[in-house]
Protein backbone atom coordinates (compact mmCIF):
# COMPACT_ATOMS: atom_id res chain seq x y z
CA MET A 1 25.61 20.80 -14.50
CA GLY A 2 25.53 19.22 -11.04
CA VAL A 3 22.93 17.10 -9.28
CA GLY A 4 21.56 20.09 -7.39
CA SER A 5 21.09 22.13 -10.57
CA ILE A 6 19.41 19.26 -12.39
CA THR A 7 17.10 18.63 -9.42
CA LEU A 8 16.23 22.32 -9.27
CA LEU A 9 15.40 22.36 -12.97
CA LEU A 10 13.20 19.28 -12.56
CA ALA A 11 11.46 20.83 -9.55
CA VAL A 12 10.66 24.07 -11.37
CA SER A 13 9.40 22.09 -14.38
CA LEU A 14 7.21 19.90 -12.16
CA ALA A 15 5.73 22.90 -10.34
CA SER A 16 5.08 24.74 -13.60
CA TRP A 17 3.42 21.69 -15.16
CA GLY A 18 1.20 21.22 -12.08
CA ILE A 19 0.17 24.88 -12.00
CA ILE A 20 -0.65 24.84 -15.72
CA GLU A 21 -2.82 21.74 -15.29
CA MET A 22 -4.69 23.32 -12.38
CA LYS A 23 -5.22 26.57 -14.29
CA ASN A 24 -6.41 24.66 -17.37
CA ARG A 25 -8.97 22.88 -15.18
CA LYS A 26 -9.91 26.21 -13.58
CA THR A 27 -9.43 25.02 -10.01
CA PRO A 28 -7.76 27.02 -7.23
CA ILE A 29 -4.03 26.59 -6.74
CA LYS A 30 -3.96 27.90 -3.16
CA PRO A 31 -4.07 25.00 -0.71
CA ASP A 32 -6.48 26.81 1.63
CA GLN A 33 -9.19 26.96 -1.06
CA ILE A 34 -11.63 24.17 -1.82
CA PRO A 35 -10.91 22.67 -5.25
CA ILE A 36 -13.57 23.06 -7.92
CA ARG A 37 -12.36 20.14 -10.05
CA LEU A 38 -10.29 17.08 -9.30
CA VAL A 39 -7.14 17.32 -11.41
CA THR A 40 -5.81 13.91 -12.45
CA THR A 41 -3.92 14.90 -15.59
CA GLY A 42 -0.35 16.02 -16.16
CA PRO A 43 1.89 15.39 -13.15
CA PHE A 44 -1.18 14.48 -11.10
CA ARG A 45 -1.14 11.15 -12.96
CA PHE A 46 2.06 10.24 -11.09
CA THR A 47 1.72 11.97 -7.71
CA ARG A 48 -1.23 13.47 -5.90
CA ASN A 49 0.97 16.32 -4.68
CA PRO A 50 3.28 17.55 -7.44
CA LEU A 51 3.46 21.09 -6.06
CA TYR A 52 4.55 19.96 -2.59
CA LEU A 53 6.95 17.50 -4.19
CA ALA A 54 8.39 20.32 -6.29
CA LEU A 55 8.81 22.50 -3.18
CA LEU A 56 10.70 19.72 -1.41
CA LEU A 57 12.86 19.13 -4.47
CA VAL A 58 13.73 22.83 -4.63
CA LEU A 59 14.79 22.79 -0.99
CA ALA A 60 16.73 19.55 -1.42
CA SER A 61 18.53 20.92 -4.47
CA LEU A 62 19.45 24.08 -2.57
CA ALA A 63 20.75 21.93 0.29
CA VAL A 64 22.92 20.00 -2.15
CA MET A 65 24.15 23.08 -4.01
CA GLY A 66 24.91 24.89 -0.74
CA ASN A 67 26.32 21.79 0.93
CA SER A 68 23.96 22.57 3.82
CA LEU A 69 23.19 19.85 6.33
CA TRP A 70 20.77 22.07 8.26
CA LEU A 71 18.74 22.75 5.09
CA ALA A 72 18.69 19.02 4.32
CA VAL A 73 17.38 18.31 7.83
CA ALA A 74 14.83 21.13 7.51
CA THR A 75 13.67 19.69 4.18
CA ALA A 76 13.22 16.23 5.71
CA SER A 77 11.32 17.81 8.62
CA LEU A 78 9.06 19.69 6.23
CA LEU A 79 8.36 16.43 4.38
CA LEU A 80 7.19 14.83 7.63
CA LEU A 81 5.06 17.83 8.59
CA LEU A 82 3.43 17.98 5.16
CA ASP A 83 2.80 14.25 5.10
CA ARG A 84 1.43 13.89 8.64
CA PHE A 85 -0.52 17.11 9.06
CA VAL A 86 -1.09 19.24 5.97
CA MET A 87 -1.95 16.50 3.49
CA VAL A 88 -4.21 14.66 5.91
CA ARG A 89 -6.35 17.79 6.25
CA GLU A 90 -6.28 18.59 2.54
CA GLU A 91 -7.15 15.02 1.56
CA ALA A 92 -10.17 15.08 3.90
CA VAL A 93 -11.41 18.27 2.21
CA ILE A 94 -10.90 16.78 -1.26
CA GLN A 95 -12.59 13.53 -0.21
CA ARG A 96 -15.67 15.45 0.94
CA ALA A 97 -15.71 17.46 -2.30
CA PHE A 98 -15.27 14.57 -4.75
CA GLY A 99 -16.28 11.39 -2.89
CA SER A 100 -15.85 8.16 -4.82
CA GLU A 101 -14.05 9.90 -7.69
CA TYR A 102 -11.29 10.91 -5.28
CA SER A 103 -11.30 7.49 -3.60
CA ALA A 104 -10.64 5.84 -6.96
CA TYR A 105 -7.87 8.35 -7.66
CA VAL A 106 -6.20 7.59 -4.31
CA VAL A 107 -6.13 3.90 -5.19
CA ARG A 108 -4.46 4.63 -8.56
CA VAL A 109 -2.00 7.40 -7.63
CA ARG A 110 0.38 7.55 -4.69
CA ARG A 111 0.64 10.52 -2.34
CA TRP A 112 4.26 11.15 -3.27
CA LEU A 113 5.66 8.91 -6.03
């Protein structure tokens, strides 16, 4: 099993674990919906964005498996777009929803890893 396959397996596992945690806490998974509960368990103990991280890992693994430079560049570009635009907006929404609880979480857990 190659690096790309192992990374893909890890990415799918991470995404599945994150989705299960969110469903167990009965909070929306869709990023355009306001969360009902702040999830800090499961993979959310290690990264505030396990689903985005899993997406990027899937793309990176496909780039490796396909030996695709353009997909690697696209993955890096998506990382920058998510980090600079999408997450900033989402974090503002979550901050308004959970206040000091979210602030404490941000201090404990990094955005990525």
